[in-house]
């Protein structure tokens, strides 16, 4: 009897030590410190000519321009578009994503990349070490043998285990420095539906193809990410700026266009202990002299739109560009807020802004995943949050055919936000995300159609229905999950 009590006390003491260490680590990382909030009120209208500058300044974003040249609103179309884009590449391919899993999509994607690399195209692939953990080393070896350069984002390091929580959740595919495909979809057969979730229809997701100056912004963001992690575990004595910002690789060409006598500055190559030769540098940007034909092509192209790119690099409890972007967009609405997120766990401040907008007469609708979510505990926590919004009259729609994975936000008829970031704590505080905000009428119209299709295939959740929710699933499991939602 005494031995049993001693064992129980030892076990209890061990658990207490573990809990103490866990809480202490949170304390050291600042989880319990006061967090300054962006108190948003009396925001200028989204149609104000200074709105883009306001968003750029407050969220630490980059304002540029670009054209929406294509859009896909169905998962099978997205995979086909990516493969076609890869096959069209002549000089360079840069790709970054979070999730890749074994299956047909991953195999087809690897085959396309390997083909282009074997043709001499510079191919760079940056993937998240956690999101791609199910793929075998043989898969990556096949790509490397073909000439593809692969970097894993934030692999586990026993010297800094707490840092492993940071993930890259970005999705971008840059072709020849001229076009970028961006959205929310991963490279996984999950997007075709999963039987275990009673989800046999393709997931609802979107992807947009952009051209123009915005591609330079994406390429710079990618190369900075790439270089930072590629150099992280190597000893170097210098940094090759041509690899970080590929535009510098052809800067002598740009100089000669402006000044025929221009001579490119020389660099002592010996100072770089980890660099490619000049011939191996990614030819991401090429100078094209304008001709009459190119002018006609520009005239027939989609109109140039303002594009605000929010990288969301290394967010923290004190600074979240993604959170600021979404909250500012919500706060500025005058007519409508249509918001879609697969994992809908808005914090108190975001819920407050949505409630204020509804009270002001704004049409506020939420489109999210229902019972077919691939993360059931997160769905239970999300459902538990519905109550405070339903009581304010906000409409909530749960998509029925399958999982919705698109991350979308339309504000009035003025701006649309899409990209990789969910409306949850992980996207706000932990992940490296990449979102765009644009006033492109074409993209606003395309995404509006996605919303309308989503609403038509959804179940609208009513307050009385929510009040009859399951005690164990939502009130117990949901609330337990909400206690740790900042890590989900």
Protein backbone atom coordinates (compact mmCIF):
# COMPACT_ATOMS: atom_id res chain seq x y z
CA UNK A 1 0.00 0.00 0.00
CA UNK A 2 2.75 2.42 1.00
CA UNK A 3 4.75 1.51 -2.10
CA UNK A 4 1.71 2.31 -4.28
CA UNK A 5 1.27 5.69 -2.59
CA UNK A 6 4.96 6.43 -3.02
CA UNK A 7 4.72 5.58 -6.72
CA UNK A 8 1.68 7.84 -7.13
CA UNK A 9 3.43 10.70 -5.37
CA UNK A 10 6.51 10.27 -7.57
CA UNK A 11 4.34 10.21 -10.69
CA UNK A 12 2.45 13.30 -9.53
CA UNK A 13 5.71 15.07 -8.79
CA UNK A 14 7.02 14.18 -12.25
CA UNK A 15 3.89 15.54 -13.92
CA UNK A 16 4.19 18.71 -11.85
CA UNK A 17 7.78 19.19 -13.00
CA UNK A 18 6.79 18.71 -16.65
CA UNK A 19 3.93 21.20 -16.36
CA UNK A 20 6.22 23.69 -14.62
CA UNK A 21 8.86 23.36 -17.34
CA UNK A 22 6.20 23.78 -20.03
CA UNK A 23 4.73 26.90 -18.41
CA UNK A 24 8.21 28.28 -17.81
CA UNK A 25 9.08 27.85 -21.49
CA UNK A 26 5.90 29.71 -22.43
CA UNK A 27 6.80 32.45 -19.98
CA UNK A 28 10.30 32.79 -21.42
CA UNK A 29 8.85 33.05 -24.94
CA UNK A 30 6.51 35.83 -23.78
CA UNK A 31 3.20 33.99 -24.02
CA UNK A 32 1.87 35.64 -20.86
CA UNK A 33 3.14 39.15 -21.41
CA UNK A 34 0.92 42.08 -22.20
CA UNK A 35 0.29 42.23 -25.91
CA UNK A 36 -0.21 45.66 -27.50
CA UNK A 37 -3.29 45.65 -29.70
CA UNK A 38 -4.06 47.73 -32.76
CA UNK A 39 -7.17 49.59 -31.67
CA UNK A 40 -8.93 50.27 -34.96
CA UNK A 41 -11.67 52.87 -35.20
CA UNK A 42 -12.87 55.43 -37.75
CA UNK A 43 -10.94 53.77 -40.53
CA UNK A 44 -10.99 55.49 -43.90
CA UNK A 45 -13.29 53.99 -46.52
CA UNK A 46 -11.85 51.20 -48.69
CA UNK A 47 -12.46 53.38 -51.76
CA UNK A 48 -10.31 56.20 -50.38
CA UNK A 49 -7.22 56.72 -52.58
CA UNK A 50 -5.04 56.62 -49.45
CA UNK A 51 -6.34 53.26 -48.21
CA UNK A 52 -3.57 51.21 -49.86
CA UNK A 53 -0.92 53.43 -48.27
CA UNK A 54 -2.64 53.08 -44.88
CA UNK A 55 -2.70 49.29 -45.12
CA UNK A 56 0.90 49.17 -46.31
CA UNK A 57 2.10 51.37 -43.45
CA UNK A 58 0.22 49.67 -40.61
CA UNK A 59 0.79 46.08 -41.74
CA UNK A 60 4.37 46.43 -42.95
CA UNK A 61 3.34 45.29 -46.42
CA UNK A 62 4.71 46.01 -49.89
CA UNK A 63 2.60 48.03 -52.32
CA UNK A 64 3.10 47.26 -55.99
CA UNK A 65 1.09 46.63 -59.15
CA UNK A 66 0.24 43.63 -61.25
CA UNK A 67 -2.25 41.88 -63.47
CA UNK A 68 -4.47 38.89 -62.72
CA UNK A 69 -4.00 36.79 -65.84
CA UNK A 70 -5.75 33.59 -64.76
CA UNK A 71 -7.80 32.12 -61.93
CA UNK A 72 -8.81 28.62 -60.87
CA UNK A 73 -11.55 27.85 -58.36
CA UNK A 74 -11.43 24.05 -58.23
CA UNK A 75 -8.73 21.75 -56.83
CA UNK A 76 -8.22 19.58 -59.97
CA UNK A 77 -7.80 22.74 -62.07
CA UNK A 78 -5.12 24.06 -59.72
CA UNK A 79 -2.93 20.96 -60.03
CA UNK A 80 -3.26 20.99 -63.83
CA UNK A 81 -2.42 24.71 -63.97
CA UNK A 82 0.71 24.23 -61.89
CA UNK A 83 1.97 21.36 -64.05
CA UNK A 84 1.30 23.39 -67.20
CA UNK A 85 3.13 26.39 -65.73
CA UNK A 86 6.16 24.24 -64.87
CA UNK A 87 6.24 22.78 -68.37
CA UNK A 88 6.23 26.29 -69.85
CA UNK A 89 9.35 27.36 -67.93
CA UNK A 90 12.43 28.22 -69.99
CA UNK A 91 14.83 29.70 -67.44
CA UNK A 92 13.81 29.31 -63.80
CA UNK A 93 11.27 27.84 -61.39
CA UNK A 94 10.93 28.77 -57.73
CA UNK A 95 8.43 26.83 -55.63
CA UNK A 96 7.53 27.05 -51.95
CA UNK A 97 4.82 25.18 -50.07
CA UNK A 98 3.82 23.79 -46.70
CA UNK A 99 2.26 20.39 -47.29
CA UNK A 100 3.23 17.60 -49.66
CA UNK A 101 2.16 13.99 -49.11
CA UNK A 102 2.78 10.72 -50.97
CA UNK A 103 0.40 10.17 -53.87
CA UNK A 104 -0.30 10.87 -57.52
CA UNK A 105 -0.19 14.66 -57.20
CA UNK A 106 3.23 14.62 -55.58
CA UNK A 107 4.58 12.14 -58.14
CA UNK A 108 3.27 14.14 -61.11
CA UNK A 109 4.68 17.32 -59.61
CA UNK A 110 8.12 15.76 -59.07
CA UNK A 111 8.16 14.36 -62.60
CA UNK A 112 7.43 17.79 -64.08
CA UNK A 113 10.13 19.49 -61.98
CA UNK A 114 12.69 16.79 -62.77
CA UNK A 115 12.03 17.09 -66.51
CA UNK A 116 12.63 20.84 -66.50
CA UNK A 117 15.74 20.56 -64.33
CA UNK A 118 17.20 17.95 -66.68
CA UNK A 119 16.61 20.41 -69.54
CA UNK A 120 18.80 22.96 -67.78
CA UNK A 121 16.11 25.08 -66.12
CA UNK A 122 17.16 26.39 -62.70
CA UNK A 123 14.70 24.80 -60.23
CA UNK A 124 14.57 25.79 -56.56
CA UNK A 125 12.16 24.06 -54.18
CA UNK A 126 11.62 25.15 -50.57
CA UNK A 127 9.29 22.95 -48.53
CA UNK A 128 8.33 22.86 -44.88
CA UNK A 129 10.14 20.12 -42.97
CA UNK A 130 7.01 19.22 -40.97
CA UNK A 131 4.46 19.49 -43.77
CA UNK A 132 6.50 17.17 -46.01
CA UNK A 133 7.60 14.66 -43.36
CA UNK A 134 5.61 11.79 -44.92
CA UNK A 135 7.56 11.88 -48.17
CA UNK A 136 10.53 9.52 -48.32
CA UNK A 137 14.15 10.52 -48.81
CA UNK A 138 13.99 8.61 -52.10
CA UNK A 139 11.47 11.17 -53.38
CA UNK A 140 13.82 14.08 -52.70
CA UNK A 141 16.85 12.17 -53.97
CA UNK A 142 15.10 11.71 -57.30
CA UNK A 143 14.66 15.47 -57.59
CA UNK A 144 18.23 16.23 -56.57
CA UNK A 145 19.66 13.76 -59.08
CA UNK A 146 17.71 15.57 -61.79
CA UNK A 147 19.30 18.86 -60.74
CA UNK A 148 16.56 20.31 -58.54
CA UNK A 149 17.87 22.25 -55.54
CA UNK A 150 15.80 21.45 -52.44
CA UNK A 151 15.76 23.24 -49.08
CA UNK A 152 13.74 22.20 -46.01
CA UNK A 153 12.32 25.03 -43.95
CA UNK A 154 13.05 24.91 -40.22
CA UNK A 155 14.09 21.28 -39.63
CA UNK A 156 14.11 20.18 -36.01
CA UNK A 157 17.14 21.41 -34.09
CA UNK A 158 17.68 19.98 -30.60
CA UNK A 159 19.55 23.17 -29.68
CA UNK A 160 16.37 25.23 -30.17
CA UNK A 161 13.37 22.87 -29.94
CA UNK A 162 10.88 25.66 -29.21
CA UNK A 163 11.64 27.24 -32.58
CA UNK A 164 10.24 24.17 -34.33
CA UNK A 165 6.75 25.64 -33.97
CA UNK A 166 7.51 28.12 -36.75
CA UNK A 167 6.46 26.83 -40.16
CA UNK A 168 6.37 28.16 -43.69
CA UNK A 169 2.76 28.06 -44.82
CA UNK A 170 3.40 29.99 -48.03
CA UNK A 171 2.37 28.76 -51.45
CA UNK A 172 3.97 30.20 -54.56
CA UNK A 173 5.19 28.99 -57.93
CA UNK A 174 7.28 31.51 -59.88
CA UNK A 175 7.96 30.87 -63.56
CA UNK A 176 10.84 32.65 -65.34
CA UNK A 177 10.43 35.65 -63.06
CA UNK A 178 7.45 36.68 -65.19
CA UNK A 179 4.48 34.89 -63.67
CA UNK A 180 3.57 33.70 -60.18
CA UNK A 181 0.84 31.26 -59.15
CA UNK A 182 -0.32 31.70 -55.57
CA UNK A 183 -3.17 30.45 -53.42
CA UNK A 184 -3.90 28.00 -50.64
CA UNK A 185 -3.55 24.50 -52.09
CA UNK A 186 -0.83 22.02 -51.19
CA UNK A 187 0.61 19.15 -53.25
CA UNK A 188 -1.44 16.29 -51.87
CA UNK A 189 -4.16 13.85 -52.90
CA UNK A 190 -6.09 15.09 -49.87
CA UNK A 191 -7.41 17.81 -52.20
CA UNK A 192 -9.30 15.06 -54.07
CA UNK A 193 -11.22 14.22 -50.90
CA UNK A 194 -10.65 11.71 -48.11
CA UNK A 195 -12.94 8.81 -47.30
CA UNK A 196 -12.03 8.82 -43.61
CA UNK A 197 -13.66 12.26 -43.29
CA UNK A 198 -16.68 11.14 -45.39
CA UNK A 199 -15.29 13.61 -47.89
CA UNK A 200 -15.26 12.17 -51.40
CA UNK A 201 -15.51 15.43 -53.37
CA UNK A 202 -12.55 17.64 -54.33
CA UNK A 203 -11.73 20.32 -51.80
CA UNK A 204 -12.76 23.90 -52.42
CA UNK A 205 -9.64 25.99 -53.03
CA UNK A 206 -8.42 28.77 -55.29
CA UNK A 207 -5.29 29.83 -57.16
CA UNK A 208 -4.49 33.02 -59.08
CA UNK A 209 -1.82 33.69 -61.70
CA UNK A 210 -0.25 37.15 -61.53
CA UNK A 211 2.08 39.05 -63.81
CA UNK A 212 3.79 42.42 -63.65
CA UNK A 213 5.79 44.10 -60.92
CA UNK A 214 4.15 41.96 -58.24
CA UNK A 215 6.21 39.01 -59.47
CA UNK A 216 9.39 40.86 -58.42
CA UNK A 217 7.97 41.13 -54.90
CA UNK A 218 7.21 37.40 -54.74
CA UNK A 219 10.61 36.48 -56.18
CA UNK A 220 12.45 38.68 -53.68
CA UNK A 221 10.45 37.21 -50.79
CA UNK A 222 11.23 33.69 -51.99
CA UNK A 223 14.94 34.30 -52.48
CA UNK A 224 15.33 35.97 -49.09
CA UNK A 225 13.58 32.97 -47.49
CA UNK A 226 15.68 30.56 -49.51
CA UNK A 227 18.98 32.21 -48.76
CA UNK A 228 18.24 32.61 -45.05
CA UNK A 229 17.65 28.88 -44.61
CA UNK A 230 20.20 27.70 -47.12
CA UNK A 231 22.92 29.57 -45.28
CA UNK A 232 21.62 28.80 -41.83
CA UNK A 233 23.66 25.65 -41.30
CA UNK A 234 26.72 26.50 -43.40
CA UNK A 235 29.87 28.47 -42.73
CA UNK A 236 30.21 31.32 -45.22
CA UNK A 237 32.32 34.40 -45.57
CA UNK A 238 30.02 36.36 -47.86
CA UNK A 239 26.56 36.55 -49.36
CA UNK A 240 25.84 36.41 -53.07
CA UNK A 241 23.21 39.11 -53.57
CA UNK A 242 22.44 37.73 -57.03
CA UNK A 243 20.97 34.64 -55.41
CA UNK A 244 18.94 36.61 -52.89
CA UNK A 245 17.65 39.09 -55.47
CA UNK A 246 18.04 37.51 -58.90
CA UNK A 247 17.39 40.84 -60.65
CA UNK A 248 21.00 41.70 -59.77
CA UNK A 249 22.22 38.81 -61.91
CA UNK A 250 21.32 40.80 -65.03
CA UNK A 251 21.95 44.26 -63.60
CA UNK A 252 24.65 44.91 -66.20
CA UNK A 253 21.99 44.45 -68.89
CA UNK A 254 19.67 46.85 -67.12
CA UNK A 255 22.52 49.34 -66.83
CA UNK A 256 23.36 49.17 -70.53
CA UNK A 257 19.76 49.89 -71.45
CA UNK A 258 20.00 53.21 -69.59
CA UNK A 259 23.67 53.88 -70.36
CA UNK A 260 25.50 52.10 -73.21
CA UNK A 261 28.88 52.85 -71.58
CA UNK A 262 27.80 51.25 -68.27
CA UNK A 263 30.15 48.60 -66.90
CA UNK A 264 28.98 46.09 -64.32
CA UNK A 265 30.87 46.27 -61.01
CA UNK A 266 33.34 43.45 -60.48
CA UNK A 267 33.22 41.21 -57.45
CA UNK A 268 36.01 39.14 -55.94
CA UNK A 269 34.51 35.67 -56.29
CA UNK A 270 36.99 34.22 -53.82
CA UNK A 271 35.18 35.83 -50.87
CA UNK A 272 32.25 33.49 -51.39
CA UNK A 273 32.75 30.02 -49.99
CA UNK A 274 29.21 28.84 -50.78
CA UNK A 275 27.94 30.17 -54.08
CA UNK A 276 27.19 29.10 -57.60
CA UNK A 277 29.20 30.18 -60.62
CA UNK A 278 27.79 33.03 -62.69
CA UNK A 279 26.53 30.48 -65.21
CA UNK A 280 24.56 28.71 -62.49
CA UNK A 281 22.84 31.82 -61.14
CA UNK A 282 19.04 31.78 -61.54
CA UNK A 283 18.05 33.82 -64.56
CA UNK A 284 14.85 34.94 -62.90
CA UNK A 285 14.44 38.34 -64.53
CA UNK A 286 15.15 39.12 -68.16
CA UNK A 287 15.14 42.54 -69.79
CA UNK A 288 12.83 42.71 -72.77
CA UNK A 289 12.97 45.69 -75.13
CA UNK A 290 9.52 47.02 -75.89
CA UNK A 291 8.37 46.67 -79.46
CA UNK A 292 5.18 47.52 -81.27
CA UNK A 293 4.02 43.93 -80.78
CA UNK A 294 4.70 44.01 -77.05
CA UNK A 295 2.80 47.30 -76.76
CA UNK A 296 -0.20 45.72 -78.48
CA UNK A 297 0.08 42.74 -76.14
CA UNK A 298 0.06 45.05 -73.11
CA UNK A 299 -3.00 46.85 -74.46
CA UNK A 300 -4.89 43.54 -74.69
CA UNK A 301 -3.73 42.36 -71.25
CA UNK A 302 -5.90 42.55 -68.11
CA UNK A 303 -5.84 45.98 -66.45
CA UNK A 304 -3.09 46.81 -63.99
CA UNK A 305 -4.29 46.66 -60.38
CA UNK A 306 -2.88 47.74 -57.05
CA UNK A 307 -1.45 44.76 -55.18
CA UNK A 308 -0.39 44.77 -51.55
CA UNK A 309 1.84 41.82 -50.62
CA UNK A 310 2.03 40.86 -46.94
CA UNK A 311 4.85 38.37 -46.24
CA UNK A 312 4.04 37.77 -42.56
CA UNK A 313 7.63 36.70 -41.89
CA UNK A 314 8.44 35.56 -38.35
CA UNK A 315 5.30 36.92 -36.67
CA UNK A 316 5.20 37.22 -32.89
CA UNK A 317 2.86 37.96 -30.02
CA UNK A 318 3.75 41.62 -30.45
CA UNK A 319 3.74 41.92 -34.22
CA UNK A 320 1.52 40.11 -36.73
CA UNK A 321 1.31 41.67 -40.20
CA UNK A 322 -1.27 39.09 -41.32
CA UNK A 323 -3.54 39.82 -38.35
CA UNK A 324 -3.23 43.57 -38.89
CA UNK A 325 -4.05 43.21 -42.59
CA UNK A 326 -7.20 41.18 -42.03
CA UNK A 327 -8.43 43.30 -39.13
CA UNK A 328 -7.90 46.55 -41.01
CA UNK A 329 -9.81 45.21 -44.01
CA UNK A 330 -12.69 44.15 -41.77
CA UNK A 331 -12.72 47.50 -39.98
CA UNK A 332 -12.88 49.53 -43.19
CA UNK A 333 -15.93 47.76 -44.68
CA UNK A 334 -19.02 49.82 -45.47
CA UNK A 335 -21.17 47.35 -47.43
CA UNK A 336 -20.04 43.75 -47.08
CA UNK A 337 -17.54 41.38 -45.51
CA UNK A 338 -17.48 37.94 -47.07
CA UNK A 339 -14.89 35.82 -45.30
CA UNK A 340 -13.80 32.22 -45.93
CA UNK A 341 -11.38 30.19 -43.82
CA UNK A 342 -11.07 26.41 -43.38
CA UNK A 343 -9.92 26.74 -39.78
CA UNK A 344 -12.04 29.52 -38.33
CA UNK A 345 -10.68 30.50 -34.93
CA UNK A 346 -10.84 34.31 -34.84
CA UNK A 347 -9.46 35.95 -31.73
CA UNK A 348 -11.54 38.23 -29.53
CA UNK A 349 -10.45 41.40 -31.34
CA UNK A 350 -11.39 40.04 -34.76
CA UNK A 351 -14.79 38.87 -33.49
CA UNK A 352 -15.32 42.32 -31.99
CA UNK A 353 -14.58 44.01 -35.33
CA UNK A 354 -16.97 41.66 -37.14
CA UNK A 355 -19.69 42.47 -34.60
CA UNK A 356 -19.13 46.23 -34.98
CA UNK A 357 -19.40 45.91 -38.76
CA UNK A 358 -22.66 43.98 -38.49
CA UNK A 359 -24.10 46.56 -36.12
CA UNK A 360 -23.23 49.26 -38.66
CA UNK A 361 -25.32 47.48 -41.30
CA UNK A 362 -22.54 45.65 -43.14
CA UNK A 363 -23.44 42.31 -44.77
CA UNK A 364 -21.18 39.94 -42.80
CA UNK A 365 -21.01 36.31 -43.93
CA UNK A 366 -18.63 33.55 -42.86
CA UNK A 367 -17.97 30.53 -45.09
CA UNK A 368 -16.11 27.71 -43.38
CA UNK A 369 -15.72 23.94 -43.19
CA UNK A 370 -18.39 21.74 -41.64
CA UNK A 371 -18.26 18.19 -40.30
CA UNK A 372 -16.01 17.10 -43.18
CA UNK A 373 -13.08 19.03 -41.76
CA UNK A 374 -9.75 17.21 -41.88
CA UNK A 375 -9.08 18.48 -38.33
CA UNK A 376 -12.13 17.54 -36.29
CA UNK A 377 -10.94 18.96 -32.92
CA UNK A 378 -10.28 22.33 -34.59
CA UNK A 379 -13.77 22.22 -36.09
CA UNK A 380 -15.30 21.57 -32.66
CA UNK A 381 -13.43 24.57 -31.27
CA UNK A 382 -14.51 26.67 -34.23
CA UNK A 383 -18.15 25.68 -33.75
CA UNK A 384 -17.95 26.71 -30.13
CA UNK A 385 -16.94 30.23 -31.27
CA UNK A 386 -20.03 30.60 -33.48
CA UNK A 387 -22.30 31.63 -30.61
CA UNK A 388 -20.88 35.11 -30.01
CA UNK A 389 -21.16 35.88 -33.73
CA UNK A 390 -24.61 34.39 -34.29
CA UNK A 391 -26.00 36.46 -31.44
CA UNK A 392 -24.86 39.57 -33.32
CA UNK A 393 -26.71 38.50 -36.45
CA UNK A 394 -23.65 37.39 -38.42
CA UNK A 395 -24.41 34.65 -40.95
CA UNK A 396 -22.30 31.49 -40.79
CA UNK A 397 -22.29 28.92 -43.59
CA UNK A 398 -20.74 25.44 -43.38
CA UNK A 399 -19.68 24.05 -46.74
CA UNK A 400 -21.25 20.60 -47.25
CA UNK A 401 -19.78 18.81 -50.31
CA UNK A 402 -16.25 18.59 -48.94
CA UNK A 403 -13.50 20.46 -47.14
CA UNK A 404 -13.14 24.15 -47.91
CA UNK A 405 -9.48 25.16 -47.91
CA UNK A 406 -9.66 28.59 -49.57
CA UNK A 407 -8.67 31.65 -47.55
CA UNK A 408 -10.68 34.57 -48.87
CA UNK A 409 -11.93 37.99 -47.82
CA UNK A 410 -13.96 40.43 -49.93
CA UNK A 411 -14.52 43.94 -48.59
CA UNK A 412 -17.32 45.86 -50.33
CA UNK A 413 -16.58 45.84 -54.07
CA UNK A 414 -13.23 47.46 -53.43
CA UNK A 415 -10.67 44.91 -52.18
CA UNK A 416 -10.10 41.18 -52.07
CA UNK A 417 -7.63 39.31 -49.87
CA UNK A 418 -6.37 35.81 -50.62
CA UNK A 419 -3.29 33.72 -50.05
CA UNK A 420 -2.04 31.19 -47.53
CA UNK A 421 -3.20 32.59 -44.17
CA UNK A 422 -6.11 31.15 -42.21
CA UNK A 423 -8.12 33.14 -39.72
CA UNK A 424 -6.53 31.51 -36.68
CA UNK A 425 -3.77 31.98 -34.14
CA UNK A 426 -1.24 29.82 -35.96
CA UNK A 427 -1.36 31.94 -39.09
CA UNK A 428 -1.34 35.12 -37.03
CA UNK A 429 1.44 34.26 -34.58
CA UNK A 430 3.61 31.37 -35.79
CA UNK A 431 3.63 30.72 -39.53
CA UNK A 432 5.49 32.50 -42.28
CA UNK A 433 2.53 33.33 -44.51
CA UNK A 434 2.05 35.16 -47.80
CA UNK A 435 -1.14 37.07 -48.63
CA UNK A 436 -2.09 39.55 -51.29
CA UNK A 437 -4.69 42.32 -51.16
CA UNK A 438 -5.77 43.78 -54.48
CA UNK A 439 -8.41 46.02 -56.01
CA UNK A 440 -8.44 43.93 -59.20
CA UNK A 441 -12.06 43.92 -60.40
CA UNK A 442 -11.38 40.67 -62.21
CA UNK A 443 -10.19 38.84 -59.09
CA UNK A 444 -12.98 40.35 -56.96
CA UNK A 445 -15.49 39.01 -59.50
CA UNK A 446 -13.86 35.57 -59.70
CA UNK A 447 -13.77 35.15 -55.92
CA UNK A 448 -17.31 36.51 -55.58
CA UNK A 449 -18.43 33.61 -57.79
CA UNK A 450 -16.54 31.18 -55.55
CA UNK A 451 -18.37 32.58 -52.53
CA UNK A 452 -21.77 32.37 -54.23
CA UNK A 453 -21.11 28.75 -55.19
CA UNK A 454 -20.00 28.08 -51.63
CA UNK A 455 -23.06 29.68 -50.04
CA UNK A 456 -25.35 27.74 -52.38
CA UNK A 457 -23.76 24.44 -51.28
CA UNK A 458 -23.66 25.19 -47.57
CA UNK A 459 -25.81 24.77 -44.51
CA UNK A 460 -26.49 28.04 -42.72
CA UNK A 461 -26.09 27.59 -38.97
CA UNK A 462 -28.80 29.22 -36.87
CA UNK A 463 -28.56 30.33 -33.26
CA UNK A 464 -31.15 27.81 -32.04
CA UNK A 465 -29.32 25.02 -33.86
CA UNK A 466 -26.05 26.12 -32.26
CA UNK A 467 -27.62 26.14 -28.79
CA UNK A 468 -28.58 22.46 -29.25
CA UNK A 469 -24.97 21.47 -30.03
CA UNK A 470 -23.45 18.31 -28.60
CA UNK A 471 -22.23 18.70 -25.04
CA UNK A 472 -19.15 16.49 -25.34
CA UNK A 473 -17.98 17.38 -28.85
CA UNK A 474 -18.38 21.11 -28.71
CA UNK A 475 -18.69 22.24 -25.11
CA UNK A 476 -16.03 19.87 -23.72
CA UNK A 477 -13.65 18.98 -26.57
CA UNK A 478 -14.15 22.32 -28.30
CA UNK A 479 -13.34 24.35 -25.20
CA UNK A 480 -10.32 22.18 -24.36
CA UNK A 481 -8.95 22.76 -27.86
CA UNK A 482 -9.55 26.49 -27.50
CA UNK A 483 -7.25 26.50 -24.48
CA UNK A 484 -4.34 25.60 -26.76
CA UNK A 485 -5.64 27.19 -29.97
CA UNK A 486 -2.63 29.51 -30.20
CA UNK A 487 -0.55 26.42 -31.08
CA UNK A 488 -2.96 24.70 -33.49
